[in-house]
Amino acid sequence: MLHFSCDLCGKELQPHDDRRYVVKIEVYAASDPHEITEDDLDDDHLESLSDLLQQIEENGGDDELAPVYKQIRYDLCPDCHKKFVRDPLNKEAHKFDFSEN
């Protein structure tokens, strides 16, 4: 038997009794298409590729060279689903209400 819990609040979700929502997020590096010029075709990219491979070997798990694609999945209870749909980036938590001095 599968057991689910809300990934936000931790509430146990019963498969037959509770409604459950699935949130899937894909994160990838944005890539704007570049125009290829004659100079690009004339360049020898083998050396730059070799430099990149050497940099990967030297730096190991450098963040700049981390994978550019990631899939994330969350199970949410109905209450957390409502909160997520209203504010998916949780911007409300970052608002500050400063008093005027």
PDB file of N, CA and C in Angstrom:
ATOM      1  N   MET A   1       0.845  -1.181   0.000  1.00  0.00           N
ATOM      2  CA  MET A   1       0.000   0.000   0.000  1.00  0.00           C
ATOM      3  C   MET A   1       0.893   1.249   0.000  1.00  0.00           C
ATOM      4  N   LEU A   2       0.558   2.190  -0.856  1.00  0.00           N
ATOM      5  CA  LEU A   2       1.318   3.436  -0.938  1.00  0.00           C
ATOM      6  C   LEU A   2       0.885   4.405   0.158  1.00  0.00           C
ATOM      7  N   HIS A   3       1.845   5.088   0.730  1.00  0.00           N
ATOM      8  CA  HIS A   3       1.559   6.101   1.741  1.00  0.00           C
ATOM      9  C   HIS A   3       2.028   7.446   1.198  1.00  0.00           C
ATOM     10  N   PHE A   4       1.163   8.440   1.331  1.00  0.00           N
ATOM     11  CA  PHE A   4       1.493   9.786   0.878  1.00  0.00           C
ATOM     12  C   PHE A   4       1.390  10.745   2.042  1.00  0.00           C
ATOM     13  N   SER A   5       2.207  11.779   1.997  1.00  0.00           N
ATOM     14  CA  SER A   5       2.089  12.884   2.944  1.00  0.00           C
ATOM     15  C   SER A   5       2.334  14.171   2.173  1.00  0.00           C
ATOM     16  N   CYS A   6       1.776  15.251   2.698  1.00  0.00           N
ATOM     17  CA  CYS A   6       1.948  16.555   2.061  1.00  0.00           C
ATOM     18  C   CYS A   6       3.404  16.978   2.224  1.00  0.00           C
ATOM     19  N   ASP A   7       4.033  17.328   1.118  1.00  0.00           N
ATOM     20  CA  ASP A   7       5.442  17.729   1.165  1.00  0.00           C
ATOM     21  C   ASP A   7       5.639  19.116   1.759  1.00  0.00           C
ATOM     22  N   LEU A   8       4.564  19.854   1.979  1.00  0.00           N
ATOM     23  CA  LEU A   8       4.686  21.177   2.571  1.00  0.00           C
ATOM     24  C   LEU A   8       4.412  21.163   4.071  1.00  0.00           C
ATOM     25  N   CYS A   9       3.283  20.585   4.486  1.00  0.00           N
ATOM     26  CA  CYS A   9       2.922  20.611   5.908  1.00  0.00           C
ATOM     27  C   CYS A   9       3.141  19.278   6.614  1.00  0.00           C
ATOM     28  N   GLY A  10       3.349  18.194   5.859  1.00  0.00           N
ATOM     29  CA  GLY A  10       3.616  16.902   6.459  1.00  0.00           C
ATOM     30  C   GLY A  10       2.388  16.071   6.794  1.00  0.00           C
ATOM     31  N   LYS A  11       1.207  16.577   6.511  1.00  0.00           N
ATOM     32  CA  LYS A  11      -0.028  15.855   6.827  1.00  0.00           C
ATOM     33  C   LYS A  11      -0.069  14.521   6.079  1.00  0.00           C
ATOM     34  N   GLU A  12      -0.452  13.452   6.807  1.00  0.00           N
ATOM     35  CA  GLU A  12      -0.627  12.143   6.175  1.00  0.00           C
ATOM     36  C   GLU A  12      -1.850  12.187   5.271  1.00  0.00           C
ATOM     37  N   LEU A  13      -1.708  11.682   4.061  1.00  0.00           N
ATOM     38  CA  LEU A  13      -2.812  11.659   3.100  1.00  0.00           C
ATOM     39  C   LEU A  13      -3.202  10.216   2.827  1.00  0.00           C
ATOM     40  N   GLN A  14      -4.458   9.892   3.066  1.00  0.00           N
ATOM     41  CA  GLN A  14      -4.966   8.551   2.811  1.00  0.00           C
ATOM     42  C   GLN A  14      -5.370   8.460   1.345  1.00  0.00           C
ATOM     43  N   PRO A  15      -4.859   7.476   0.614  1.00  0.00           N
ATOM     44  CA  PRO A  15      -5.103   7.391  -0.831  1.00  0.00           C
ATOM     45  C   PRO A  15      -6.587   7.362  -1.215  1.00  0.00           C
ATOM     46  N   HIS A  16      -7.425   6.732  -0.400  1.00  0.00           N
ATOM     47  CA  HIS A  16      -8.837   6.605  -0.764  1.00  0.00           C
ATOM     48  C   HIS A  16      -9.711   7.688  -0.158  1.00  0.00           C
ATOM     49  N   ASP A  17      -9.222   8.371   0.883  1.00  0.00           N
ATOM     50  CA  ASP A  17     -10.057   9.333   1.593  1.00  0.00           C
ATOM     51  C   ASP A  17      -9.715  10.793   1.285  1.00  0.00           C
ATOM     52  N   ASP A  18      -8.452  11.086   1.124  1.00  0.00           N
ATOM     53  CA  ASP A  18      -8.014  12.473   0.971  1.00  0.00           C
ATOM     54  C   ASP A  18      -7.710  12.802  -0.485  1.00  0.00           C
ATOM     55  N   ARG A  19      -8.058  14.029  -0.849  1.00  0.00           N
ATOM     56  CA  ARG A  19      -7.675  14.524  -2.172  1.00  0.00           C
ATOM     57  C   ARG A  19      -6.207  14.931  -2.090  1.00  0.00           C
ATOM     58  N   ARG A  20      -5.465  14.608  -3.124  1.00  0.00           N
ATOM     59  CA  ARG A  20      -4.041  14.908  -3.175  1.00  0.00           C
ATOM     60  C   ARG A  20      -3.752  15.601  -4.494  1.00  0.00           C
ATOM     61  N   TYR A  21      -2.882  16.600  -4.440  1.00  0.00           N
ATOM     62  CA  TYR A  21      -2.495  17.343  -5.641  1.00  0.00           C
ATOM     63  C   TYR A  21      -1.008  17.123  -5.898  1.00  0.00           C
ATOM     64  N   VAL A  22      -0.661  17.002  -7.161  1.00  0.00           N
ATOM     65  CA  VAL A  22       0.727  16.808  -7.555  1.00  0.00           C
ATOM     66  C   VAL A  22       1.200  18.076  -8.259  1.00  0.00           C
ATOM     67  N   VAL A  23       2.342  18.588  -7.806  1.00  0.00           N
ATOM     68  CA  VAL A  23       2.973  19.750  -8.432  1.00  0.00           C
ATOM     69  C   VAL A  23       4.266  19.266  -9.060  1.00  0.00           C
ATOM     70  N   LYS A  24       4.417  19.489 -10.364  1.00  0.00           N
ATOM     71  CA  LYS A  24       5.642  19.139 -11.067  1.00  0.00           C
ATOM     72  C   LYS A  24       6.299  20.423 -11.550  1.00  0.00           C
ATOM     73  N   ILE A  25       7.576  20.531 -11.280  1.00  0.00           N
ATOM     74  CA  ILE A  25       8.325  21.725 -11.667  1.00  0.00           C
ATOM     75  C   ILE A  25       9.507  21.286 -12.520  1.00  0.00           C
ATOM     76  N   GLU A  26       9.708  21.986 -13.624  1.00  0.00           N
ATOM     77  CA  GLU A  26      10.876  21.773 -14.466  1.00  0.00           C
ATOM     78  C   GLU A  26      11.744  23.019 -14.389  1.00  0.00           C
ATOM     79  N   VAL A  27      13.013  22.835 -14.124  1.00  0.00           N
ATOM     80  CA  VAL A  27      13.950  23.947 -14.040  1.00  0.00           C
ATOM     81  C   VAL A  27      15.034  23.714 -15.082  1.00  0.00           C
ATOM     82  N   TYR A  28      15.217  24.703 -15.946  1.00  0.00           N
ATOM     83  CA  TYR A  28      16.255  24.571 -16.968  1.00  0.00           C
ATOM     84  C   TYR A  28      16.775  25.949 -17.342  1.00  0.00           C
ATOM     85  N   ALA A  29      17.985  25.953 -17.865  1.00  0.00           N
ATOM     86  CA  ALA A  29      18.619  27.206 -18.262  1.00  0.00           C
ATOM     87  C   ALA A  29      17.924  27.747 -19.504  1.00  0.00           C
ATOM     88  N   ALA A  30      17.599  29.032 -19.457  1.00  0.00           N
ATOM     89  CA  ALA A  30      16.985  29.676 -20.614  1.00  0.00           C
ATOM     90  C   ALA A  30      18.043  29.819 -21.703  1.00  0.00           C
ATOM     91  N   SER A  31      17.628  29.572 -22.905  1.00  0.00           N
ATOM     92  CA  SER A  31      18.555  29.655 -24.021  1.00  0.00           C
ATOM     93  C   SER A  31      17.905  30.457 -25.132  1.00  0.00           C
ATOM     94  N   ASP A  32      18.477  31.602 -25.394  1.00  0.00           N
ATOM     95  CA  ASP A  32      17.989  32.416 -26.493  1.00  0.00           C
ATOM     96  C   ASP A  32      18.746  32.019 -27.756  1.00  0.00           C
ATOM     97  N   PRO A  33      18.031  31.808 -28.841  1.00  0.00           N
ATOM     98  CA  PRO A  33      18.724  31.399 -30.066  1.00  0.00           C
ATOM     99  C   PRO A  33      19.662  32.504 -30.553  1.00  0.00           C
ATOM    100  N   HIS A  34      20.861  32.077 -30.905  1.00  0.00           N
ATOM    101  CA  HIS A  34      21.845  33.014 -31.427  1.00  0.00           C
ATOM    102  C   HIS A  34      21.908  32.871 -32.936  1.00  0.00           C
ATOM    103  N   GLU A  35      22.228  33.962 -33.566  1.00  0.00           N
ATOM    104  CA  GLU A  35      22.383  33.926 -35.012  1.00  0.00           C
ATOM    105  C   GLU A  35      23.792  33.421 -35.336  1.00  0.00           C
ATOM    106  N   ILE A  36      23.893  32.446 -36.192  1.00  0.00           N
ATOM    107  CA  ILE A  36      25.186  31.896 -36.579  1.00  0.00           C
ATOM    108  C   ILE A  36      25.765  32.745 -37.704  1.00  0.00           C
ATOM    109  N   THR A  37      27.005  33.150 -37.508  1.00  0.00           N
ATOM    110  CA  THR A  37      27.686  33.969 -38.506  1.00  0.00           C
ATOM    111  C   THR A  37      28.767  33.134 -39.199  1.00  0.00           C
ATOM    112  N   GLU A  38      29.338  33.690 -40.243  1.00  0.00           N
ATOM    113  CA  GLU A  38      30.439  33.027 -40.954  1.00  0.00           C
ATOM    114  C   GLU A  38      31.620  32.810 -40.009  1.00  0.00           C
ATOM    115  N   ASP A  39      31.873  33.774 -39.123  1.00  0.00           N
ATOM    116  CA  ASP A  39      32.986  33.643 -38.169  1.00  0.00           C
ATOM    117  C   ASP A  39      32.776  32.439 -37.258  1.00  0.00           C
ATOM    118  N   ASP A  40      31.529  32.193 -36.841  1.00  0.00           N
ATOM    119  CA  ASP A  40      31.229  31.033 -35.988  1.00  0.00           C
ATOM    120  C   ASP A  40      31.566  29.730 -36.703  1.00  0.00           C
ATOM    121  N   LEU A  41      31.282  29.681 -37.989  1.00  0.00           N
ATOM    122  CA  LEU A  41      31.549  28.475 -38.758  1.00  0.00           C
ATOM    123  C   LEU A  41      33.047  28.273 -38.984  1.00  0.00           C
ATOM    124  N   ASP A  42      33.793  29.363 -39.033  1.00  0.00           N
ATOM    125  CA  ASP A  42      35.234  29.278 -39.253  1.00  0.00           C
ATOM    126  C   ASP A  42      35.993  28.916 -37.979  1.00  0.00           C
ATOM    127  N   ASP A  43      35.435  29.211 -36.810  1.00  0.00           N
ATOM    128  CA  ASP A  43      36.112  28.945 -35.535  1.00  0.00           C
ATOM    129  C   ASP A  43      36.270  27.448 -35.303  1.00  0.00           C
ATOM    130  N   ASP A  44      37.383  27.075 -34.661  1.00  0.00           N
ATOM    131  CA  ASP A  44      37.619  25.690 -34.265  1.00  0.00           C
ATOM    132  C   ASP A  44      37.194  25.553 -32.802  1.00  0.00           C
ATOM    133  N   HIS A  45      36.077  24.903 -32.548  1.00  0.00           N
ATOM    134  CA  HIS A  45      35.517  24.802 -31.204  1.00  0.00           C
ATOM    135  C   HIS A  45      36.081  23.628 -30.411  1.00  0.00           C
ATOM    136  N   LEU A  46      36.957  22.859 -31.015  1.00  0.00           N
ATOM    137  CA  LEU A  46      37.539  21.705 -30.348  1.00  0.00           C
ATOM    138  C   LEU A  46      38.369  22.133 -29.140  1.00  0.00           C
ATOM    139  N   GLU A  47      39.115  23.220 -29.278  1.00  0.00           N
ATOM    140  CA  GLU A  47      39.948  23.701 -28.167  1.00  0.00           C
ATOM    141  C   GLU A  47      39.085  24.187 -27.001  1.00  0.00           C
ATOM    142  N   SER A  48      38.014  24.933 -27.293  1.00  0.00           N
ATOM    143  CA  SER A  48      37.155  25.417 -26.207  1.00  0.00           C
ATOM    144  C   SER A  48      36.433  24.259 -25.522  1.00  0.00           C
ATOM    145  N   LEU A  49      36.090  23.221 -26.275  1.00  0.00           N
ATOM    146  CA  LEU A  49      35.472  22.037 -25.688  1.00  0.00           C
ATOM    147  C   LEU A  49      36.459  21.318 -24.780  1.00  0.00           C
ATOM    148  N   SER A  50      37.692  21.223 -25.203  1.00  0.00           N
ATOM    149  CA  SER A  50      38.740  20.609 -24.392  1.00  0.00           C
ATOM    150  C   SER A  50      38.953  21.392 -23.100  1.00  0.00           C
ATOM    151  N   ASP A  51      38.962  22.728 -23.192  1.00  0.00           N
ATOM    152  CA  ASP A  51      39.108  23.576 -21.999  1.00  0.00           C
ATOM    153  C   ASP A  51      37.952  23.352 -21.028  1.00  0.00           C
ATOM    154  N   LEU A  52      36.746  23.242 -21.560  1.00  0.00           N
ATOM    155  CA  LEU A  52      35.570  23.026 -20.713  1.00  0.00           C
ATOM    156  C   LEU A  52      35.658  21.684 -19.994  1.00  0.00           C
ATOM    157  N   LEU A  53      36.056  20.630 -20.703  1.00  0.00           N
ATOM    158  CA  LEU A  53      36.197  19.311 -20.084  1.00  0.00           C
ATOM    159  C   LEU A  53      37.274  19.319 -19.000  1.00  0.00           C
ATOM    160  N   GLN A  54      38.362  20.024 -19.248  1.00  0.00           N
ATOM    161  CA  GLN A  54      39.429  20.129 -18.254  1.00  0.00           C
ATOM    162  C   GLN A  54      38.933  20.877 -17.022  1.00  0.00           C
ATOM    163  N   GLN A  55      38.164  21.928 -17.226  1.00  0.00           N
ATOM    164  CA  GLN A  55      37.612  22.704 -16.118  1.00  0.00           C
ATOM    165  C   GLN A  55      36.662  21.842 -15.274  1.00  0.00           C
ATOM    166  N   ILE A  56      35.878  20.998 -15.917  1.00  0.00           N
ATOM    167  CA  ILE A  56      34.968  20.110 -15.200  1.00  0.00           C
ATOM    168  C   ILE A  56      35.761  19.129 -14.341  1.00  0.00           C
ATOM    169  N   GLU A  57      36.832  18.579 -14.888  1.00  0.00           N
ATOM    170  CA  GLU A  57      37.674  17.641 -14.136  1.00  0.00           C
ATOM    171  C   GLU A  57      38.322  18.311 -12.940  1.00  0.00           C
ATOM    172  N   GLU A  58      38.772  19.542 -13.099  1.00  0.00           N
ATOM    173  CA  GLU A  58      39.474  20.246 -12.022  1.00  0.00           C
ATOM    174  C   GLU A  58      38.529  20.708 -10.923  1.00  0.00           C
ATOM    175  N   ASN A  59      37.339  21.176 -11.291  1.00  0.00           N
ATOM    176  CA  ASN A  59      36.425  21.766 -10.317  1.00  0.00           C
ATOM    177  C   ASN A  59      35.441  20.775  -9.718  1.00  0.00           C
ATOM    178  N   GLY A  60      35.325  19.602 -10.255  1.00  0.00           N
ATOM    179  CA  GLY A  60      34.393  18.612  -9.714  1.00  0.00           C
ATOM    180  C   GLY A  60      32.961  19.086  -9.816  1.00  0.00           C
ATOM    181  N   GLY A  61      32.319  19.402  -8.680  1.00  0.00           N
ATOM    182  CA  GLY A  61      30.898  19.765  -8.649  1.00  0.00           C
ATOM    183  C   GLY A  61      30.651  21.257  -8.593  1.00  0.00           C
ATOM    184  N   ASP A  62      31.364  22.036  -9.366  1.00  0.00           N
ATOM    185  CA  ASP A  62      31.172  23.484  -9.392  1.00  0.00           C
ATOM    186  C   ASP A  62      29.734  23.813  -9.786  1.00  0.00           C
ATOM    187  N   ASP A  63      29.092  24.748  -9.052  1.00  0.00           N
ATOM    188  CA  ASP A  63      27.701  25.121  -9.324  1.00  0.00           C
ATOM    189  C   ASP A  63      27.500  25.645 -10.735  1.00  0.00           C
ATOM    190  N   GLU A  64      28.496  26.337 -11.254  1.00  0.00           N
ATOM    191  CA  GLU A  64      28.357  26.911 -12.590  1.00  0.00           C
ATOM    192  C   GLU A  64      28.244  25.813 -13.648  1.00  0.00           C
ATOM    193  N   LEU A  65      28.803  24.659 -13.344  1.00  0.00           N
ATOM    194  CA  LEU A  65      28.776  23.551 -14.286  1.00  0.00           C
ATOM    195  C   LEU A  65      27.742  22.500 -13.914  1.00  0.00           C
ATOM    196  N   ALA A  66      26.857  22.830 -12.972  1.00  0.00           N
ATOM    197  CA  ALA A  66      25.821  21.890 -12.535  1.00  0.00           C
ATOM    198  C   ALA A  66      24.851  21.629 -13.677  1.00  0.00           C
ATOM    199  N   PRO A  67      24.133  20.505 -13.615  1.00  0.00           N
ATOM    200  CA  PRO A  67      23.161  20.213 -14.678  1.00  0.00           C
ATOM    201  C   PRO A  67      22.176  21.370 -14.853  1.00  0.00           C
ATOM    202  N   VAL A  68      21.821  21.617 -16.105  1.00  0.00           N
ATOM    203  CA  VAL A  68      20.949  22.747 -16.398  1.00  0.00           C
ATOM    204  C   VAL A  68      19.480  22.335 -16.445  1.00  0.00           C
ATOM    205  N   TYR A  69      19.174  21.074 -16.165  1.00  0.00           N
ATOM    206  CA  TYR A  69      17.795  20.620 -16.194  1.00  0.00           C
ATOM    207  C   TYR A  69      17.509  19.791 -14.957  1.00  0.00           C
ATOM    208  N   LYS A  70      16.380  20.067 -14.320  1.00  0.00           N
ATOM    209  CA  LYS A  70      15.984  19.303 -13.136  1.00  0.00           C
ATOM    210  C   LYS A  70      14.470  19.239 -13.078  1.00  0.00           C
ATOM    211  N   GLN A  71      13.957  18.071 -12.741  1.00  0.00           N
ATOM    212  CA  GLN A  71      12.523  17.893 -12.520  1.00  0.00           C
ATOM    213  C   GLN A  71      12.295  17.701 -11.027  1.00  0.00           C
ATOM    214  N   ILE A  72      11.269  18.369 -10.501  1.00  0.00           N
ATOM    215  CA  ILE A  72      10.924  18.280  -9.088  1.00  0.00           C
ATOM    216  C   ILE A  72       9.442  17.945  -8.999  1.00  0.00           C
ATOM    217  N   ARG A  73       9.070  17.089  -8.035  1.00  0.00           N
ATOM    218  CA  ARG A  73       7.670  16.695  -7.864  1.00  0.00           C
ATOM    219  C   ARG A  73       7.311  16.795  -6.388  1.00  0.00           C
ATOM    220  N   TYR A  74       6.134  17.377  -6.106  1.00  0.00           N
ATOM    221  CA  TYR A  74       5.630  17.503  -4.744  1.00  0.00           C
ATOM    222  C   TYR A  74       4.196  17.005  -4.680  1.00  0.00           C
ATOM    223  N   ASP A  75       3.834  16.365  -3.568  1.00  0.00           N
ATOM    224  CA  ASP A  75       2.450  16.014  -3.262  1.00  0.00           C
ATOM    225  C   ASP A  75       1.948  17.026  -2.246  1.00  0.00           C
ATOM    226  N   LEU A  76       0.766  17.598  -2.500  1.00  0.00           N
ATOM    227  CA  LEU A  76       0.206  18.603  -1.604  1.00  0.00           C
ATOM    228  C   LEU A  76      -1.198  18.225  -1.159  1.00  0.00           C
ATOM    229  N   CYS A  77      -1.518  18.561   0.088  1.00  0.00           N
ATOM    230  CA  CYS A  77      -2.883  18.398   0.589  1.00  0.00           C
ATOM    231  C   CYS A  77      -3.730  19.540   0.019  1.00  0.00           C
ATOM    232  N   PRO A  78      -5.056  19.481   0.142  1.00  0.00           N
ATOM    233  CA  PRO A  78      -5.910  20.552  -0.414  1.00  0.00           C
ATOM    234  C   PRO A  78      -5.584  21.947   0.121  1.00  0.00           C
ATOM    235  N   ASP A  79      -5.304  22.066   1.423  1.00  0.00           N
ATOM    236  CA  ASP A  79      -5.009  23.393   1.988  1.00  0.00           C
ATOM    237  C   ASP A  79      -3.706  23.969   1.425  1.00  0.00           C
ATOM    238  N   CYS A  80      -2.674  23.152   1.369  1.00  0.00           N
ATOM    239  CA  CYS A  80      -1.390  23.618   0.834  1.00  0.00           C
ATOM    240  C   CYS A  80      -1.481  23.874  -0.666  1.00  0.00           C
ATOM    241  N   HIS A  81      -2.327  23.109  -1.356  1.00  0.00           N
ATOM    242  CA  HIS A  81      -2.552  23.339  -2.779  1.00  0.00           C
ATOM    243  C   HIS A  81      -3.130  24.735  -3.000  1.00  0.00           C
ATOM    244  N   LYS A  82      -4.113  25.113  -2.192  1.00  0.00           N
ATOM    245  CA  LYS A  82      -4.710  26.453  -2.319  1.00  0.00           C
ATOM    246  C   LYS A  82      -3.655  27.533  -2.100  1.00  0.00           C
ATOM    247  N   LYS A  83      -2.814  27.360  -1.069  1.00  0.00           N
ATOM    248  CA  LYS A  83      -1.760  28.332  -0.788  1.00  0.00           C
ATOM    249  C   LYS A  83      -0.772  28.414  -1.945  1.00  0.00           C
ATOM    250  N   PHE A  84      -0.413  27.250  -2.486  1.00  0.00           N
ATOM    251  CA  PHE A  84       0.557  27.218  -3.588  1.00  0.00           C
ATOM    252  C   PHE A  84       0.016  27.910  -4.827  1.00  0.00           C
ATOM    253  N   VAL A  85      -1.240  27.642  -5.166  1.00  0.00           N
ATOM    254  CA  VAL A  85      -1.829  28.237  -6.370  1.00  0.00           C
ATOM    255  C   VAL A  85      -1.931  29.755  -6.226  1.00  0.00           C
ATOM    256  N   ARG A  86      -2.227  30.224  -5.006  1.00  0.00           N
ATOM    257  CA  ARG A  86      -2.320  31.671  -4.766  1.00  0.00           C
ATOM    258  C   ARG A  86      -0.963  32.360  -4.862  1.00  0.00           C
ATOM    259  N   ASP A  87       0.085  31.693  -4.365  1.00  0.00           N
ATOM    260  CA  ASP A  87       1.399  32.319  -4.295  1.00  0.00           C
ATOM    261  C   ASP A  87       2.496  31.272  -4.532  1.00  0.00           C
ATOM    262  N   PRO A  88       2.684  30.814  -5.791  1.00  0.00           N
ATOM    263  CA  PRO A  88       3.609  29.706  -6.057  1.00  0.00           C
ATOM    264  C   PRO A  88       5.066  29.996  -5.694  1.00  0.00           C
ATOM    265  N   LEU A  89       5.493  31.241  -5.723  1.00  0.00           N
ATOM    266  CA  LEU A  89       6.880  31.567  -5.389  1.00  0.00           C
ATOM    267  C   LEU A  89       7.046  32.029  -3.941  1.00  0.00           C
ATOM    268  N   ASN A  90       5.950  31.951  -3.174  1.00  0.00           N
ATOM    269  CA  ASN A  90       5.960  32.313  -1.757  1.00  0.00           C
ATOM    270  C   ASN A  90       6.455  33.751  -1.537  1.00  0.00           C
ATOM    271  N   LYS A  91       6.036  34.647  -2.412  1.00  0.00           N
ATOM    272  CA  LYS A  91       6.442  36.048  -2.311  1.00  0.00           C
ATOM    273  C   LYS A  91       5.882  36.709  -1.061  1.00  0.00           C
ATOM    274  N   GLU A  92       4.723  36.258  -0.619  1.00  0.00           N
ATOM    275  CA  GLU A  92       4.078  36.847   0.563  1.00  0.00           C
ATOM    276  C   GLU A  92       4.978  36.732   1.797  1.00  0.00           C
ATOM    277  N   ALA A  93       5.734  35.667   1.903  1.00  0.00           N
ATOM    278  CA  ALA A  93       6.600  35.451   3.056  1.00  0.00           C
ATOM    279  C   ALA A  93       7.769  36.431   3.074  1.00  0.00           C
ATOM    280  N   HIS A  94       8.083  37.041   1.950  1.00  0.00           N
ATOM    281  CA  HIS A  94       9.231  37.935   1.857  1.00  0.00           C
ATOM    282  C   HIS A  94       8.859  39.412   1.959  1.00  0.00           C
ATOM    283  N   LYS A  95       7.591  39.689   2.215  1.00  0.00           N
ATOM    284  CA  LYS A  95       7.180  41.078   2.367  1.00  0.00           C
ATOM    285  C   LYS A  95       7.435  41.510   3.807  1.00  0.00           C
ATOM    286  N   PHE A  96       7.970  42.707   3.963  1.00  0.00           N
ATOM    287  CA  PHE A  96       8.246  43.244   5.285  1.00  0.00           C
ATOM    288  C   PHE A  96       7.379  44.463   5.500  1.00  0.00           C
ATOM    289  N   ASP A  97       6.883  44.613   6.692  1.00  0.00           N
ATOM    290  CA  ASP A  97       6.046  45.759   7.035  1.00  0.00           C
ATOM    291  C   ASP A  97       6.805  46.601   8.063  1.00  0.00           C
ATOM    292  N   PHE A  98       7.596  47.537   7.545  1.00  0.00           N
ATOM    293  CA  PHE A  98       8.391  48.376   8.418  1.00  0.00           C
ATOM    294  C   PHE A  98       7.585  49.566   8.903  1.00  0.00           C
ATOM    295  N   SER A  99       7.787  49.931  10.148  1.00  0.00           N
ATOM    296  CA  SER A  99       7.114  51.112  10.673  1.00  0.00           C
ATOM    297  C   SER A  99       7.874  52.357  10.265  1.00  0.00           C
ATOM    298  N   GLU A 100       7.156  53.461  10.160  1.00  0.00           N
ATOM    299  CA  GLU A 100       7.809  54.734   9.821  1.00  0.00           C
ATOM    300  C   GLU A 100       8.340  55.355  11.105  1.00  0.00           C
ATOM    301  N   ASN A 101       9.592  55.736  11.099  1.00  0.00           N
ATOM    302  CA  ASN A 101      10.220  56.350  12.281  1.00  0.00           C
ATOM    303  C   ASN A 101      10.202  57.839  12.158  1.00  0.00           C
TER     304      ASN A 101
END
